[in-house]
Amino acid sequence: MLARATGNRVVVSIMATLNDLLVESRKLTLRQRGRPARSILGHEAVVAALRRRDPGAAADAMREHIDQIADLLQHAST
């Protein structure tokens, strides 16, 4: 949704490709108890920062969300 809001076809295309690549990781992580709710909270933090027009906070929130997912995937594969 955010990619489409940019109106930039390149960004939309990149995000579509990225989403296709993330299907398997989402299957793994979203099965974990409480993860869907935490994932939504992470996305809401990004949107809240964007609404405040605070790009630094949006970047921090997205980075934190991605780091959480990376940690989950790392633990899932060990």
PDB file of N, CA and C in Angstrom:
ATOM      1  N   MET A   1       0.819  -1.173   0.000  1.00  0.00           N
ATOM      2  CA  MET A   1       0.000   0.000   0.000  1.00  0.00           C
ATOM      3  C   MET A   1       0.879   1.259   0.000  1.00  0.00           C
ATOM      4  N   LEU A   2       1.913   1.279   0.820  1.00  0.00           N
ATOM      5  CA  LEU A   2       2.796   2.447   0.850  1.00  0.00           C
ATOM      6  C   LEU A   2       3.516   2.617  -0.482  1.00  0.00           C
ATOM      7  N   ALA A   3       3.915   1.508  -1.073  1.00  0.00           N
ATOM      8  CA  ALA A   3       4.610   1.600  -2.362  1.00  0.00           C
ATOM      9  C   ALA A   3       3.701   2.228  -3.412  1.00  0.00           C
ATOM     10  N   ARG A   4       2.449   1.797  -3.447  1.00  0.00           N
ATOM     11  CA  ARG A   4       1.502   2.370  -4.412  1.00  0.00           C
ATOM     12  C   ARG A   4       1.280   3.856  -4.153  1.00  0.00           C
ATOM     13  N   ALA A   5       1.288   4.236  -2.880  1.00  0.00           N
ATOM     14  CA  ALA A   5       1.049   5.638  -2.524  1.00  0.00           C
ATOM     15  C   ALA A   5       2.143   6.553  -3.045  1.00  0.00           C
ATOM     16  N   THR A   6       3.322   6.007  -3.317  1.00  0.00           N
ATOM     17  CA  THR A   6       4.398   6.843  -3.847  1.00  0.00           C
ATOM     18  C   THR A   6       4.119   7.278  -5.279  1.00  0.00           C
ATOM     19  N   GLY A   7       3.309   6.491  -5.980  1.00  0.00           N
ATOM     20  CA  GLY A   7       3.055   6.791  -7.386  1.00  0.00           C
ATOM     21  C   GLY A   7       4.247   6.485  -8.282  1.00  0.00           C
ATOM     22  N   ASN A   8       5.233   5.812  -7.731  1.00  0.00           N
ATOM     23  CA  ASN A   8       6.467   5.502  -8.463  1.00  0.00           C
ATOM     24  C   ASN A   8       6.405   4.037  -8.906  1.00  0.00           C
ATOM     25  N   ARG A   9       6.312   3.816 -10.218  1.00  0.00           N
ATOM     26  CA  ARG A   9       6.183   2.452 -10.742  1.00  0.00           C
ATOM     27  C   ARG A   9       7.384   1.580 -10.411  1.00  0.00           C
ATOM     28  N   VAL A  10       8.557   2.166 -10.330  1.00  0.00           N
ATOM     29  CA  VAL A  10       9.761   1.394  -9.997  1.00  0.00           C
ATOM     30  C   VAL A  10       9.651   0.880  -8.557  1.00  0.00           C
ATOM     31  N   VAL A  11       9.255   1.743  -7.638  1.00  0.00           N
ATOM     32  CA  VAL A  11       9.097   1.336  -6.241  1.00  0.00           C
ATOM     33  C   VAL A  11       8.038   0.240  -6.135  1.00  0.00           C
ATOM     34  N   VAL A  12       6.930   0.397  -6.831  1.00  0.00           N
ATOM     35  CA  VAL A  12       5.863  -0.607  -6.815  1.00  0.00           C
ATOM     36  C   VAL A  12       6.390  -1.943  -7.337  1.00  0.00           C
ATOM     37  N   SER A  13       7.153  -1.915  -8.423  1.00  0.00           N
ATOM     38  CA  SER A  13       7.705  -3.137  -8.998  1.00  0.00           C
ATOM     39  C   SER A  13       8.701  -3.809  -8.050  1.00  0.00           C
ATOM     40  N   ILE A  14       9.565  -3.023  -7.446  1.00  0.00           N
ATOM     41  CA  ILE A  14      10.539  -3.572  -6.498  1.00  0.00           C
ATOM     42  C   ILE A  14       9.825  -4.218  -5.317  1.00  0.00           C
ATOM     43  N   MET A  15       8.821  -3.551  -4.792  1.00  0.00           N
ATOM     44  CA  MET A  15       8.091  -4.093  -3.640  1.00  0.00           C
ATOM     45  C   MET A  15       7.319  -5.360  -4.011  1.00  0.00           C
ATOM     46  N   ALA A  16       6.772  -5.415  -5.213  1.00  0.00           N
ATOM     47  CA  ALA A  16       6.075  -6.621  -5.658  1.00  0.00           C
ATOM     48  C   ALA A  16       7.046  -7.801  -5.705  1.00  0.00           C
ATOM     49  N   THR A  17       8.229  -7.570  -6.236  1.00  0.00           N
ATOM     50  CA  THR A  17       9.252  -8.620  -6.285  1.00  0.00           C
ATOM     51  C   THR A  17       9.672  -9.030  -4.881  1.00  0.00           C
ATOM     52  N   LEU A  18       9.903  -8.065  -4.030  1.00  0.00           N
ATOM     53  CA  LEU A  18      10.293  -8.347  -2.649  1.00  0.00           C
ATOM     54  C   LEU A  18       9.213  -9.147  -1.936  1.00  0.00           C
ATOM     55  N   ASN A  19       7.959  -8.752  -2.122  1.00  0.00           N
ATOM     56  CA  ASN A  19       6.866  -9.496  -1.492  1.00  0.00           C
ATOM     57  C   ASN A  19       6.831 -10.944  -1.952  1.00  0.00           C
ATOM     58  N   ASP A  20       7.074 -11.177  -3.241  1.00  0.00           N
ATOM     59  CA  ASP A  20       7.122 -12.552  -3.748  1.00  0.00           C
ATOM     60  C   ASP A  20       8.231 -13.346  -3.064  1.00  0.00           C
ATOM     61  N   LEU A  21       9.367 -12.709  -2.837  1.00  0.00           N
ATOM     62  CA  LEU A  21      10.503 -13.385  -2.206  1.00  0.00           C
ATOM     63  C   LEU A  21      10.258 -13.669  -0.720  1.00  0.00           C
ATOM     64  N   LEU A  22       9.389 -12.891  -0.099  1.00  0.00           N
ATOM     65  CA  LEU A  22       9.163 -13.020   1.347  1.00  0.00           C
ATOM     66  C   LEU A  22       8.068 -14.007   1.723  1.00  0.00           C
ATOM     67  N   VAL A  23       7.433 -14.622   0.756  1.00  0.00           N
ATOM     68  CA  VAL A  23       6.319 -15.532   1.039  1.00  0.00           C
ATOM     69  C   VAL A  23       6.734 -16.633   2.020  1.00  0.00           C
ATOM     70  N   GLU A  24       7.851 -17.269   1.775  1.00  0.00           N
ATOM     71  CA  GLU A  24       8.281 -18.387   2.627  1.00  0.00           C
ATOM     72  C   GLU A  24       8.620 -17.927   4.041  1.00  0.00           C
ATOM     73  N   SER A  25       9.299 -16.794   4.162  1.00  0.00           N
ATOM     74  CA  SER A  25       9.644 -16.323   5.505  1.00  0.00           C
ATOM     75  C   SER A  25       8.388 -15.950   6.276  1.00  0.00           C
ATOM     76  N   ARG A  26       7.415 -15.407   5.606  1.00  0.00           N
ATOM     77  CA  ARG A  26       6.151 -15.077   6.285  1.00  0.00           C
ATOM     78  C   ARG A  26       5.444 -16.341   6.759  1.00  0.00           C
ATOM     79  N   LYS A  27       5.488 -17.378   5.951  1.00  0.00           N
ATOM     80  CA  LYS A  27       4.867 -18.639   6.371  1.00  0.00           C
ATOM     81  C   LYS A  27       5.488 -19.138   7.668  1.00  0.00           C
ATOM     82  N   LEU A  28       6.802 -19.026   7.773  1.00  0.00           N
ATOM     83  CA  LEU A  28       7.505 -19.480   8.974  1.00  0.00           C
ATOM     84  C   LEU A  28       7.221 -18.605  10.184  1.00  0.00           C
ATOM     85  N   THR A  29       7.341 -17.311  10.008  1.00  0.00           N
ATOM     86  CA  THR A  29       7.252 -16.413  11.166  1.00  0.00           C
ATOM     87  C   THR A  29       5.825 -16.186  11.632  1.00  0.00           C
ATOM     88  N   LEU A  30       4.884 -16.103  10.717  1.00  0.00           N
ATOM     89  CA  LEU A  30       3.513 -15.793  11.131  1.00  0.00           C
ATOM     90  C   LEU A  30       2.818 -16.961  11.819  1.00  0.00           C
ATOM     91  N   ARG A  31       3.420 -18.143  11.783  1.00  0.00           N
ATOM     92  CA  ARG A  31       2.872 -19.291  12.529  1.00  0.00           C
ATOM     93  C   ARG A  31       3.175 -19.201  14.010  1.00  0.00           C
ATOM     94  N   GLN A  32       4.138 -18.382  14.356  1.00  0.00           N
ATOM     95  CA  GLN A  32       4.551 -18.294  15.756  1.00  0.00           C
ATOM     96  C   GLN A  32       3.492 -17.552  16.566  1.00  0.00           C
ATOM     97  N   ARG A  33       3.251 -18.085  17.735  1.00  0.00           N
ATOM     98  CA  ARG A  33       2.234 -17.526  18.613  1.00  0.00           C
ATOM     99  C   ARG A  33       2.492 -16.033  18.892  1.00  0.00           C
ATOM    100  N   GLY A  34       1.482 -15.227  18.667  1.00  0.00           N
ATOM    101  CA  GLY A  34       1.573 -13.802  18.929  1.00  0.00           C
ATOM    102  C   GLY A  34       2.265 -12.994  17.848  1.00  0.00           C
ATOM    103  N   ARG A  35       2.884 -13.672  16.891  1.00  0.00           N
ATOM    104  CA  ARG A  35       3.648 -12.951  15.867  1.00  0.00           C
ATOM    105  C   ARG A  35       2.774 -12.085  14.966  1.00  0.00           C
ATOM    106  N   PRO A  36       1.621 -12.581  14.506  1.00  0.00           N
ATOM    107  CA  PRO A  36       0.812 -11.709  13.648  1.00  0.00           C
ATOM    108  C   PRO A  36       0.474 -10.371  14.317  1.00  0.00           C
ATOM    109  N   ALA A  37       0.119 -10.402  15.579  1.00  0.00           N
ATOM    110  CA  ALA A  37      -0.219  -9.163  16.293  1.00  0.00           C
ATOM    111  C   ALA A  37       1.003  -8.259  16.419  1.00  0.00           C
ATOM    112  N   ARG A  38       2.171  -8.858  16.720  1.00  0.00           N
ATOM    113  CA  ARG A  38       3.396  -8.049  16.833  1.00  0.00           C
ATOM    114  C   ARG A  38       3.782  -7.464  15.475  1.00  0.00           C
ATOM    115  N   SER A  39       3.543  -8.214  14.426  1.00  0.00           N
ATOM    116  CA  SER A  39       3.855  -7.722  13.093  1.00  0.00           C
ATOM    117  C   SER A  39       2.964  -6.526  12.750  1.00  0.00           C
ATOM    118  N   ILE A  40       1.706  -6.629  13.085  1.00  0.00           N
ATOM    119  CA  ILE A  40       0.790  -5.515  12.844  1.00  0.00           C
ATOM    120  C   ILE A  40       1.233  -4.287  13.627  1.00  0.00           C
ATOM    121  N   LEU A  41       1.642  -4.486  14.882  1.00  0.00           N
ATOM    122  CA  LEU A  41       2.122  -3.356  15.686  1.00  0.00           C
ATOM    123  C   LEU A  41       3.333  -2.691  15.036  1.00  0.00           C
ATOM    124  N   GLY A  42       4.223  -3.510  14.475  1.00  0.00           N
ATOM    125  CA  GLY A  42       5.392  -2.958  13.784  1.00  0.00           C
ATOM    126  C   GLY A  42       4.994  -2.112  12.588  1.00  0.00           C
ATOM    127  N   HIS A  43       4.032  -2.607  11.819  1.00  0.00           N
ATOM    128  CA  HIS A  43       3.560  -1.851  10.654  1.00  0.00           C
ATOM    129  C   HIS A  43       2.843  -0.570  11.097  1.00  0.00           C
ATOM    130  N   GLU A  44       2.064  -0.675  12.169  1.00  0.00           N
ATOM    131  CA  GLU A  44       1.364   0.512  12.670  1.00  0.00           C
ATOM    132  C   GLU A  44       2.340   1.585  13.149  1.00  0.00           C
ATOM    133  N   ALA A  45       3.460   1.161  13.720  1.00  0.00           N
ATOM    134  CA  ALA A  45       4.474   2.128  14.156  1.00  0.00           C
ATOM    135  C   ALA A  45       5.049   2.888  12.961  1.00  0.00           C
ATOM    136  N   VAL A  46       5.255   2.187  11.857  1.00  0.00           N
ATOM    137  CA  VAL A  46       5.759   2.834  10.643  1.00  0.00           C
ATOM    138  C   VAL A  46       4.735   3.846  10.134  1.00  0.00           C
ATOM    139  N   VAL A  47       3.488   3.417  10.042  1.00  0.00           N
ATOM    140  CA  VAL A  47       2.433   4.299   9.534  1.00  0.00           C
ATOM    141  C   VAL A  47       2.263   5.517  10.445  1.00  0.00           C
ATOM    142  N   ALA A  48       2.302   5.311  11.755  1.00  0.00           N
ATOM    143  CA  ALA A  48       2.164   6.429  12.689  1.00  0.00           C
ATOM    144  C   ALA A  48       3.271   7.455  12.476  1.00  0.00           C
ATOM    145  N   ALA A  49       4.488   6.976  12.278  1.00  0.00           N
ATOM    146  CA  ALA A  49       5.605   7.889  12.035  1.00  0.00           C
ATOM    147  C   ALA A  49       5.417   8.649  10.726  1.00  0.00           C
ATOM    148  N   LEU A  50       4.934   7.955   9.713  1.00  0.00           N
ATOM    149  CA  LEU A  50       4.690   8.627   8.430  1.00  0.00           C
ATOM    150  C   LEU A  50       3.601   9.688   8.572  1.00  0.00           C
ATOM    151  N   ARG A  51       2.571   9.370   9.329  1.00  0.00           N
ATOM    152  CA  ARG A  51       1.500  10.360   9.551  1.00  0.00           C
ATOM    153  C   ARG A  51       2.023  11.596  10.277  1.00  0.00           C
ATOM    154  N   ARG A  52       3.006  11.385  11.148  1.00  0.00           N
ATOM    155  CA  ARG A  52       3.627  12.518  11.858  1.00  0.00           C
ATOM    156  C   ARG A  52       4.638  13.242  10.976  1.00  0.00           C
ATOM    157  N   ARG A  53       4.838  12.704   9.779  1.00  0.00           N
ATOM    158  CA  ARG A  53       5.847  13.234   8.843  1.00  0.00           C
ATOM    159  C   ARG A  53       7.238  13.196   9.466  1.00  0.00           C
ATOM    160  N   ASP A  54       7.513  12.040  10.093  1.00  0.00           N
ATOM    161  CA  ASP A  54       8.798  11.840  10.767  1.00  0.00           C
ATOM    162  C   ASP A  54       9.536  10.686  10.082  1.00  0.00           C
ATOM    163  N   PRO A  55      10.277  10.990   9.011  1.00  0.00           N
ATOM    164  CA  PRO A  55      10.934   9.914   8.261  1.00  0.00           C
ATOM    165  C   PRO A  55      11.958   9.136   9.078  1.00  0.00           C
ATOM    166  N   GLY A  56      12.617   9.808  10.007  1.00  0.00           N
ATOM    167  CA  GLY A  56      13.592   9.103  10.846  1.00  0.00           C
ATOM    168  C   GLY A  56      12.922   8.058  11.713  1.00  0.00           C
ATOM    169  N   ALA A  57      11.806   8.413  12.323  1.00  0.00           N
ATOM    170  CA  ALA A  57      11.073   7.461  13.159  1.00  0.00           C
ATOM    171  C   ALA A  57      10.495   6.334  12.304  1.00  0.00           C
ATOM    172  N   ALA A  58      10.051   6.659  11.098  1.00  0.00           N
ATOM    173  CA  ALA A  58       9.521   5.624  10.200  1.00  0.00           C
ATOM    174  C   ALA A  58      10.621   4.631   9.832  1.00  0.00           C
ATOM    175  N   ALA A  59      11.793   5.155   9.512  1.00  0.00           N
ATOM    176  CA  ALA A  59      12.923   4.281   9.174  1.00  0.00           C
ATOM    177  C   ALA A  59      13.315   3.432  10.376  1.00  0.00           C
ATOM    178  N   ASP A  60      13.357   4.028  11.557  1.00  0.00           N
ATOM    179  CA  ASP A  60      13.690   3.274  12.774  1.00  0.00           C
ATOM    180  C   ASP A  60      12.676   2.172  13.035  1.00  0.00           C
ATOM    181  N   ALA A  61      11.394   2.487  12.882  1.00  0.00           N
ATOM    182  CA  ALA A  61      10.335   1.496  13.125  1.00  0.00           C
ATOM    183  C   ALA A  61      10.418   0.354  12.117  1.00  0.00           C
ATOM    184  N   MET A  62      10.678   0.684  10.851  1.00  0.00           N
ATOM    185  CA  MET A  62      10.783  -0.366   9.836  1.00  0.00           C
ATOM    186  C   MET A  62      12.010  -1.218  10.077  1.00  0.00           C
ATOM    187  N   ARG A  63      13.116  -0.577  10.442  1.00  0.00           N
ATOM    188  CA  ARG A  63      14.352  -1.318  10.724  1.00  0.00           C
ATOM    189  C   ARG A  63      14.137  -2.274  11.903  1.00  0.00           C
ATOM    190  N   GLU A  64      13.477  -1.789  12.944  1.00  0.00           N
ATOM    191  CA  GLU A  64      13.213  -2.640  14.106  1.00  0.00           C
ATOM    192  C   GLU A  64      12.347  -3.834  13.721  1.00  0.00           C
ATOM    193  N   HIS A  65      11.324  -3.588  12.910  1.00  0.00           N
ATOM    194  CA  HIS A  65      10.443  -4.668  12.455  1.00  0.00           C
ATOM    195  C   HIS A  65      11.233  -5.699  11.641  1.00  0.00           C
ATOM    196  N   ILE A  66      12.041  -5.241  10.726  1.00  0.00           N
ATOM    197  CA  ILE A  66      12.842  -6.149   9.896  1.00  0.00           C
ATOM    198  C   ILE A  66      13.850  -6.915  10.754  1.00  0.00           C
ATOM    199  N   ASP A  67      14.462  -6.246  11.718  1.00  0.00           N
ATOM    200  CA  ASP A  67      15.404  -6.926  12.612  1.00  0.00           C
ATOM    201  C   ASP A  67      14.716  -8.021  13.421  1.00  0.00           C
ATOM    202  N   GLN A  68      13.489  -7.762  13.882  1.00  0.00           N
ATOM    203  CA  GLN A  68      12.736  -8.780  14.626  1.00  0.00           C
ATOM    204  C   GLN A  68      12.483 -10.000  13.752  1.00  0.00           C
ATOM    205  N   ILE A  69      12.099  -9.770  12.509  1.00  0.00           N
ATOM    206  CA  ILE A  69      11.833 -10.876  11.585  1.00  0.00           C
ATOM    207  C   ILE A  69      13.127 -11.642  11.304  1.00  0.00           C
ATOM    208  N   ALA A  70      14.210 -10.924  11.099  1.00  0.00           N
ATOM    209  CA  ALA A  70      15.501 -11.587  10.849  1.00  0.00           C
ATOM    210  C   ALA A  70      15.888 -12.465  12.028  1.00  0.00           C
ATOM    211  N   ASP A  71      15.691 -11.979  13.241  1.00  0.00           N
ATOM    212  CA  ASP A  71      15.990 -12.783  14.430  1.00  0.00           C
ATOM    213  C   ASP A  71      15.124 -14.033  14.481  1.00  0.00           C
ATOM    214  N   LEU A  72      13.848 -13.878  14.180  1.00  0.00           N
ATOM    215  CA  LEU A  72      12.947 -15.041  14.179  1.00  0.00           C
ATOM    216  C   LEU A  72      13.391 -16.077  13.151  1.00  0.00           C
ATOM    217  N   LEU A  73      13.745 -15.615  11.973  1.00  0.00           N
ATOM    218  CA  LEU A  73      14.170 -16.539  10.910  1.00  0.00           C
ATOM    219  C   LEU A  73      15.486 -17.220  11.278  1.00  0.00           C
ATOM    220  N   GLN A  74      16.369 -16.477  11.909  1.00  0.00           N
ATOM    221  CA  GLN A  74      17.643 -17.056  12.313  1.00  0.00           C
ATOM    222  C   GLN A  74      17.425 -18.151  13.339  1.00  0.00           C
ATOM    223  N   HIS A  75      16.546 -17.922  14.285  1.00  0.00           N
ATOM    224  CA  HIS A  75      16.259 -18.920  15.332  1.00  0.00           C
ATOM    225  C   HIS A  75      15.484 -20.105  14.763  1.00  0.00           C
ATOM    226  N   ALA A  76      14.662 -19.856  13.764  1.00  0.00           N
ATOM    227  CA  ALA A  76      13.881 -20.921  13.143  1.00  0.00           C
ATOM    228  C   ALA A  76      14.763 -21.885  12.364  1.00  0.00           C
ATOM    229  N   SER A  77      15.879 -21.377  11.860  1.00  0.00           N
ATOM    230  CA  SER A  77      16.749 -22.226  11.037  1.00  0.00           C
ATOM    231  C   SER A  77      17.844 -22.910  11.838  1.00  0.00           C
ATOM    232  N   THR A  78      17.896 -22.651  13.155  1.00  0.00           N
ATOM    233  CA  THR A  78      18.941 -23.286  13.973  1.00  0.00           C
ATOM    234  C   THR A  78      18.372 -24.391  14.807  1.00  0.00           C
TER     235      THR A  78
END
